[in-house]
Amino acid sequence: MASSLFMSQSELPSETSADPRRPALVQSLRSRYADAERRQDAAAKQALFQEAVYLGIRPEEFTAPG
């Protein structure tokens, strides 16, 4: 049987995952995103979005006003 290239919804990381690093990662992304916004640095923001995808963090978790 061939394996799927896509992850099922249950395999995706969630906000409620037990990863103790997650709050620190989100806070780091939030802080660096705010800095990139102040500098109007589109390349830095794009890199942060890519990092977030890699980490399984949705953009609205760190771009939304806190």
PDB file of N, CA and C in Angstrom:
ATOM      1  N   MET A   1       0.853  -1.178   0.000  1.00  0.00           N
ATOM      2  CA  MET A   1       0.000   0.000   0.000  1.00  0.00           C
ATOM      3  C   MET A   1       0.896   1.237   0.000  1.00  0.00           C
ATOM      4  N   ALA A   2       0.591   2.191  -0.849  1.00  0.00           N
ATOM      5  CA  ALA A   2       1.383   3.420  -0.927  1.00  0.00           C
ATOM      6  C   ALA A   2       1.008   4.341   0.225  1.00  0.00           C
ATOM      7  N   SER A   3       2.026   4.995   0.755  1.00  0.00           N
ATOM      8  CA  SER A   3       1.743   5.938   1.839  1.00  0.00           C
ATOM      9  C   SER A   3       1.364   7.286   1.258  1.00  0.00           C
ATOM     10  N   SER A   4       0.575   8.014   1.976  1.00  0.00           N
ATOM     11  CA  SER A   4       0.111   9.320   1.540  1.00  0.00           C
ATOM     12  C   SER A   4       1.202  10.350   1.737  1.00  0.00           C
ATOM     13  N   LEU A   5       1.286  11.300   0.808  1.00  0.00           N
ATOM     14  CA  LEU A   5       2.240  12.397   0.930  1.00  0.00           C
ATOM     15  C   LEU A   5       1.721  13.482   1.852  1.00  0.00           C
ATOM     16  N   PHE A   6       0.462  13.395   2.215  1.00  0.00           N
ATOM     17  CA  PHE A   6      -0.151  14.436   3.033  1.00  0.00           C
ATOM     18  C   PHE A   6      -0.402  13.908   4.433  1.00  0.00           C
ATOM     19  N   MET A   7      -0.240  14.796   5.401  1.00  0.00           N
ATOM     20  CA  MET A   7      -0.503  14.422   6.784  1.00  0.00           C
ATOM     21  C   MET A   7      -1.995  14.525   7.052  1.00  0.00           C
ATOM     22  N   SER A   8      -2.492  13.595   7.802  1.00  0.00           N
ATOM     23  CA  SER A   8      -3.895  13.706   8.196  1.00  0.00           C
ATOM     24  C   SER A   8      -4.009  14.803   9.236  1.00  0.00           C
ATOM     25  N   GLN A   9      -5.200  15.297   9.436  1.00  0.00           N
ATOM     26  CA  GLN A   9      -5.422  16.375  10.394  1.00  0.00           C
ATOM     27  C   GLN A   9      -4.940  15.978  11.786  1.00  0.00           C
ATOM     28  N   SER A  10      -5.076  14.710  12.141  1.00  0.00           N
ATOM     29  CA  SER A  10      -4.669  14.266  13.477  1.00  0.00           C
ATOM     30  C   SER A  10      -3.154  14.240  13.637  1.00  0.00           C
ATOM     31  N   GLU A  11      -2.399  14.246  12.533  1.00  0.00           N
ATOM     32  CA  GLU A  11      -0.940  14.217  12.613  1.00  0.00           C
ATOM     33  C   GLU A  11      -0.328  15.612  12.667  1.00  0.00           C
ATOM     34  N   LEU A  12      -1.135  16.637  12.416  1.00  0.00           N
ATOM     35  CA  LEU A  12      -0.619  17.995  12.433  1.00  0.00           C
ATOM     36  C   LEU A  12      -0.439  18.471  13.869  1.00  0.00           C
ATOM     37  N   PRO A  13       0.640  19.230  14.114  1.00  0.00           N
ATOM     38  CA  PRO A  13       0.798  19.782  15.463  1.00  0.00           C
ATOM     39  C   PRO A  13      -0.345  20.740  15.768  1.00  0.00           C
ATOM     40  N   SER A  14      -0.730  20.807  16.998  1.00  0.00           N
ATOM     41  CA  SER A  14      -1.818  21.704  17.374  1.00  0.00           C
ATOM     42  C   SER A  14      -1.363  22.619  18.487  1.00  0.00           C
ATOM     43  N   GLU A  15      -2.149  23.651  18.712  1.00  0.00           N
ATOM     44  CA  GLU A  15      -1.849  24.591  19.782  1.00  0.00           C
ATOM     45  C   GLU A  15      -1.809  23.895  21.134  1.00  0.00           C
ATOM     46  N   THR A  16      -2.531  22.820  21.265  1.00  0.00           N
ATOM     47  CA  THR A  16      -2.621  22.136  22.546  1.00  0.00           C
ATOM     48  C   THR A  16      -1.605  21.006  22.668  1.00  0.00           C
ATOM     49  N   SER A  17      -0.652  20.937  21.740  1.00  0.00           N
ATOM     50  CA  SER A  17       0.336  19.870  21.818  1.00  0.00           C
ATOM     51  C   SER A  17       1.144  20.023  23.101  1.00  0.00           C
ATOM     52  N   ALA A  18       1.761  18.953  23.523  1.00  0.00           N
ATOM     53  CA  ALA A  18       2.471  18.932  24.794  1.00  0.00           C
ATOM     54  C   ALA A  18       3.892  19.488  24.685  1.00  0.00           C
ATOM     55  N   ASP A  19       4.257  20.094  23.579  1.00  0.00           N
ATOM     56  CA  ASP A  19       5.599  20.626  23.405  1.00  0.00           C
ATOM     57  C   ASP A  19       5.803  21.831  24.322  1.00  0.00           C
ATOM     58  N   PRO A  20       6.649  21.705  25.327  1.00  0.00           N
ATOM     59  CA  PRO A  20       6.841  22.809  26.270  1.00  0.00           C
ATOM     60  C   PRO A  20       7.537  24.024  25.641  1.00  0.00           C
ATOM     61  N   ARG A  21       8.145  23.841  24.476  1.00  0.00           N
ATOM     62  CA  ARG A  21       8.828  24.952  23.803  1.00  0.00           C
ATOM     63  C   ARG A  21       7.868  25.841  23.039  1.00  0.00           C
ATOM     64  N   ARG A  22       6.695  25.353  22.753  1.00  0.00           N
ATOM     65  CA  ARG A  22       5.775  26.065  21.855  1.00  0.00           C
ATOM     66  C   ARG A  22       5.495  27.512  22.270  1.00  0.00           C
ATOM     67  N   PRO A  23       5.148  27.797  23.516  1.00  0.00           N
ATOM     68  CA  PRO A  23       4.899  29.205  23.876  1.00  0.00           C
ATOM     69  C   PRO A  23       6.117  30.101  23.630  1.00  0.00           C
ATOM     70  N   ALA A  24       7.297  29.594  23.921  1.00  0.00           N
ATOM     71  CA  ALA A  24       8.516  30.375  23.692  1.00  0.00           C
ATOM     72  C   ALA A  24       8.753  30.588  22.200  1.00  0.00           C
ATOM     73  N   LEU A  25       8.470  29.576  21.395  1.00  0.00           N
ATOM     74  CA  LEU A  25       8.640  29.710  19.946  1.00  0.00           C
ATOM     75  C   LEU A  25       7.673  30.745  19.380  1.00  0.00           C
ATOM     76  N   VAL A  26       6.422  30.687  19.819  1.00  0.00           N
ATOM     77  CA  VAL A  26       5.420  31.653  19.348  1.00  0.00           C
ATOM     78  C   VAL A  26       5.817  33.060  19.779  1.00  0.00           C
ATOM     79  N   GLN A  27       6.266  33.212  21.009  1.00  0.00           N
ATOM     80  CA  GLN A  27       6.676  34.533  21.491  1.00  0.00           C
ATOM     81  C   GLN A  27       7.876  35.060  20.700  1.00  0.00           C
ATOM     82  N   SER A  28       8.816  34.190  20.390  1.00  0.00           N
ATOM     83  CA  SER A  28       9.973  34.591  19.592  1.00  0.00           C
ATOM     84  C   SER A  28       9.541  35.049  18.205  1.00  0.00           C
ATOM     85  N   LEU A  29       8.660  34.288  17.566  1.00  0.00           N
ATOM     86  CA  LEU A  29       8.147  34.678  16.251  1.00  0.00           C
ATOM     87  C   LEU A  29       7.404  36.008  16.342  1.00  0.00           C
ATOM     88  N   ARG A  30       6.598  36.172  17.382  1.00  0.00           N
ATOM     89  CA  ARG A  30       5.815  37.400  17.562  1.00  0.00           C
ATOM     90  C   ARG A  30       6.744  38.618  17.696  1.00  0.00           C
ATOM     91  N   SER A  31       7.780  38.477  18.494  1.00  0.00           N
ATOM     92  CA  SER A  31       8.722  39.569  18.715  1.00  0.00           C
ATOM     93  C   SER A  31       9.483  39.919  17.430  1.00  0.00           C
ATOM     94  N   ARG A  32       9.969  38.893  16.745  1.00  0.00           N
ATOM     95  CA  ARG A  32      10.726  39.144  15.507  1.00  0.00           C
ATOM     96  C   ARG A  32       9.826  39.671  14.399  1.00  0.00           C
ATOM     97  N   TYR A  33       8.558  39.239  14.384  1.00  0.00           N
ATOM     98  CA  TYR A  33       7.614  39.756  13.394  1.00  0.00           C
ATOM     99  C   TYR A  33       7.344  41.244  13.650  1.00  0.00           C
ATOM    100  N   ALA A  34       7.177  41.619  14.904  1.00  0.00           N
ATOM    101  CA  ALA A  34       6.951  43.023  15.247  1.00  0.00           C
ATOM    102  C   ALA A  34       8.148  43.876  14.823  1.00  0.00           C
ATOM    103  N   ASP A  35       9.362  43.372  15.032  1.00  0.00           N
ATOM    104  CA  ASP A  35      10.559  44.099  14.599  1.00  0.00           C
ATOM    105  C   ASP A  35      10.578  44.260  13.080  1.00  0.00           C
ATOM    106  N   ALA A  36      10.239  43.184  12.364  1.00  0.00           N
ATOM    107  CA  ALA A  36      10.213  43.241  10.899  1.00  0.00           C
ATOM    108  C   ALA A  36       9.140  44.214  10.412  1.00  0.00           C
ATOM    109  N   GLU A  37       8.021  44.259  11.107  1.00  0.00           N
ATOM    110  CA  GLU A  37       6.958  45.220  10.759  1.00  0.00           C
ATOM    111  C   GLU A  37       7.454  46.653  10.920  1.00  0.00           C
ATOM    112  N   ARG A  38       8.125  46.930  12.037  1.00  0.00           N
ATOM    113  CA  ARG A  38       8.643  48.282  12.279  1.00  0.00           C
ATOM    114  C   ARG A  38       9.642  48.698  11.204  1.00  0.00           C
ATOM    115  N   ARG A  39      10.454  47.732  10.749  1.00  0.00           N
ATOM    116  CA  ARG A  39      11.465  48.024   9.716  1.00  0.00           C
ATOM    117  C   ARG A  39      10.881  47.953   8.306  1.00  0.00           C
ATOM    118  N   GLN A  40       9.624  47.526   8.200  1.00  0.00           N
ATOM    119  CA  GLN A  40       8.982  47.290   6.911  1.00  0.00           C
ATOM    120  C   GLN A  40       9.838  46.355   6.049  1.00  0.00           C
ATOM    121  N   ASP A  41      10.266  45.253   6.663  1.00  0.00           N
ATOM    122  CA  ASP A  41      11.166  44.289   6.032  1.00  0.00           C
ATOM    123  C   ASP A  41      10.376  43.067   5.565  1.00  0.00           C
ATOM    124  N   ALA A  42       9.969  43.110   4.302  1.00  0.00           N
ATOM    125  CA  ALA A  42       9.155  42.030   3.744  1.00  0.00           C
ATOM    126  C   ALA A  42       9.921  40.704   3.693  1.00  0.00           C
ATOM    127  N   ALA A  43      11.210  40.745   3.409  1.00  0.00           N
ATOM    128  CA  ALA A  43      12.006  39.515   3.337  1.00  0.00           C
ATOM    129  C   ALA A  43      12.086  38.845   4.709  1.00  0.00           C
ATOM    130  N   ALA A  44      12.240  39.628   5.763  1.00  0.00           N
ATOM    131  CA  ALA A  44      12.295  39.061   7.114  1.00  0.00           C
ATOM    132  C   ALA A  44      10.951  38.434   7.478  1.00  0.00           C
ATOM    133  N   LYS A  45       9.852  39.099   7.127  1.00  0.00           N
ATOM    134  CA  LYS A  45       8.527  38.543   7.427  1.00  0.00           C
ATOM    135  C   LYS A  45       8.318  37.237   6.673  1.00  0.00           C
ATOM    136  N   GLN A  46       8.745  37.191   5.419  1.00  0.00           N
ATOM    137  CA  GLN A  46       8.609  35.959   4.634  1.00  0.00           C
ATOM    138  C   GLN A  46       9.399  34.822   5.290  1.00  0.00           C
ATOM    139  N   ALA A  47      10.595  35.113   5.759  1.00  0.00           N
ATOM    140  CA  ALA A  47      11.406  34.098   6.427  1.00  0.00           C
ATOM    141  C   ALA A  47      10.725  33.612   7.708  1.00  0.00           C
ATOM    142  N   LEU A  48      10.072  34.516   8.422  1.00  0.00           N
ATOM    143  CA  LEU A  48       9.360  34.121   9.638  1.00  0.00           C
ATOM    144  C   LEU A  48       8.164  33.228   9.319  1.00  0.00           C
ATOM    145  N   PHE A  49       7.455  33.527   8.239  1.00  0.00           N
ATOM    146  CA  PHE A  49       6.343  32.666   7.832  1.00  0.00           C
ATOM    147  C   PHE A  49       6.861  31.268   7.489  1.00  0.00           C
ATOM    148  N   GLN A  50       7.982  31.197   6.799  1.00  0.00           N
ATOM    149  CA  GLN A  50       8.551  29.896   6.447  1.00  0.00           C
ATOM    150  C   GLN A  50       8.975  29.128   7.695  1.00  0.00           C
ATOM    151  N   GLU A  51       9.577  29.826   8.646  1.00  0.00           N
ATOM    152  CA  GLU A  51       9.972  29.194   9.904  1.00  0.00           C
ATOM    153  C   GLU A  51       8.744  28.674  10.644  1.00  0.00           C
ATOM    154  N   ALA A  52       7.694  29.470  10.666  1.00  0.00           N
ATOM    155  CA  ALA A  52       6.468  29.067  11.348  1.00  0.00           C
ATOM    156  C   ALA A  52       5.884  27.802  10.726  1.00  0.00           C
ATOM    157  N   VAL A  53       5.867  27.737   9.408  1.00  0.00           N
ATOM    158  CA  VAL A  53       5.358  26.542   8.728  1.00  0.00           C
ATOM    159  C   VAL A  53       6.190  25.326   9.138  1.00  0.00           C
ATOM    160  N   TYR A  54       7.494  25.496   9.149  1.00  0.00           N
ATOM    161  CA  TYR A  54       8.386  24.409   9.547  1.00  0.00           C
ATOM    162  C   TYR A  54       8.080  23.932  10.968  1.00  0.00           C
ATOM    163  N   LEU A  55       7.782  24.883  11.845  1.00  0.00           N
ATOM    164  CA  LEU A  55       7.509  24.562  13.247  1.00  0.00           C
ATOM    165  C   LEU A  55       6.070  24.123  13.502  1.00  0.00           C
ATOM    166  N   GLY A  56       5.207  24.236  12.490  1.00  0.00           N
ATOM    167  CA  GLY A  56       3.811  23.865  12.662  1.00  0.00           C
ATOM    168  C   GLY A  56       3.002  24.925  13.395  1.00  0.00           C
ATOM    169  N   ILE A  57       3.416  26.172  13.265  1.00  0.00           N
ATOM    170  CA  ILE A  57       2.727  27.285  13.926  1.00  0.00           C
ATOM    171  C   ILE A  57       2.009  28.106  12.864  1.00  0.00           C
ATOM    172  N   ARG A  58       0.722  28.348  13.085  1.00  0.00           N
ATOM    173  CA  ARG A  58      -0.060  29.123  12.122  1.00  0.00           C
ATOM    174  C   ARG A  58       0.310  30.600  12.224  1.00  0.00           C
ATOM    175  N   PRO A  59       0.370  31.317  11.102  1.00  0.00           N
ATOM    176  CA  PRO A  59       0.749  32.721  11.105  1.00  0.00           C
ATOM    177  C   PRO A  59      -0.087  33.595  12.035  1.00  0.00           C
ATOM    178  N   GLU A  60      -1.383  33.309  12.137  1.00  0.00           N
ATOM    179  CA  GLU A  60      -2.219  34.148  12.998  1.00  0.00           C
ATOM    180  C   GLU A  60      -1.856  34.036  14.473  1.00  0.00           C
ATOM    181  N   GLU A  61      -1.095  33.020  14.838  1.00  0.00           N
ATOM    182  CA  GLU A  61      -0.674  32.865  16.234  1.00  0.00           C
ATOM    183  C   GLU A  61       0.380  33.895  16.626  1.00  0.00           C
ATOM    184  N   PHE A  62       1.145  34.397  15.641  1.00  0.00           N
ATOM    185  CA  PHE A  62       2.183  35.367  15.995  1.00  0.00           C
ATOM    186  C   PHE A  62       2.012  36.722  15.297  1.00  0.00           C
ATOM    187  N   THR A  63       1.093  36.824  14.361  1.00  0.00           N
ATOM    188  CA  THR A  63       0.885  38.107  13.676  1.00  0.00           C
ATOM    189  C   THR A  63      -0.270  38.893  14.247  1.00  0.00           C
ATOM    190  N   ALA A  64      -1.173  38.220  14.938  1.00  0.00           N
ATOM    191  CA  ALA A  64      -2.339  38.905  15.501  1.00  0.00           C
ATOM    192  C   ALA A  64      -1.902  39.821  16.638  1.00  0.00           C
ATOM    193  N   PRO A  65      -2.500  40.997  16.714  1.00  0.00           N
ATOM    194  CA  PRO A  65      -2.151  41.895  17.828  1.00  0.00           C
ATOM    195  C   PRO A  65      -2.429  41.216  19.163  1.00  0.00           C
ATOM    196  N   GLY A  66      -1.478  41.330  20.056  1.00  0.00           N
ATOM    197  CA  GLY A  66      -1.590  40.639  21.342  1.00  0.00           C
ATOM    198  C   GLY A  66      -2.218  41.476  22.348  1.00  0.00           C
TER     199      GLY A  66
END
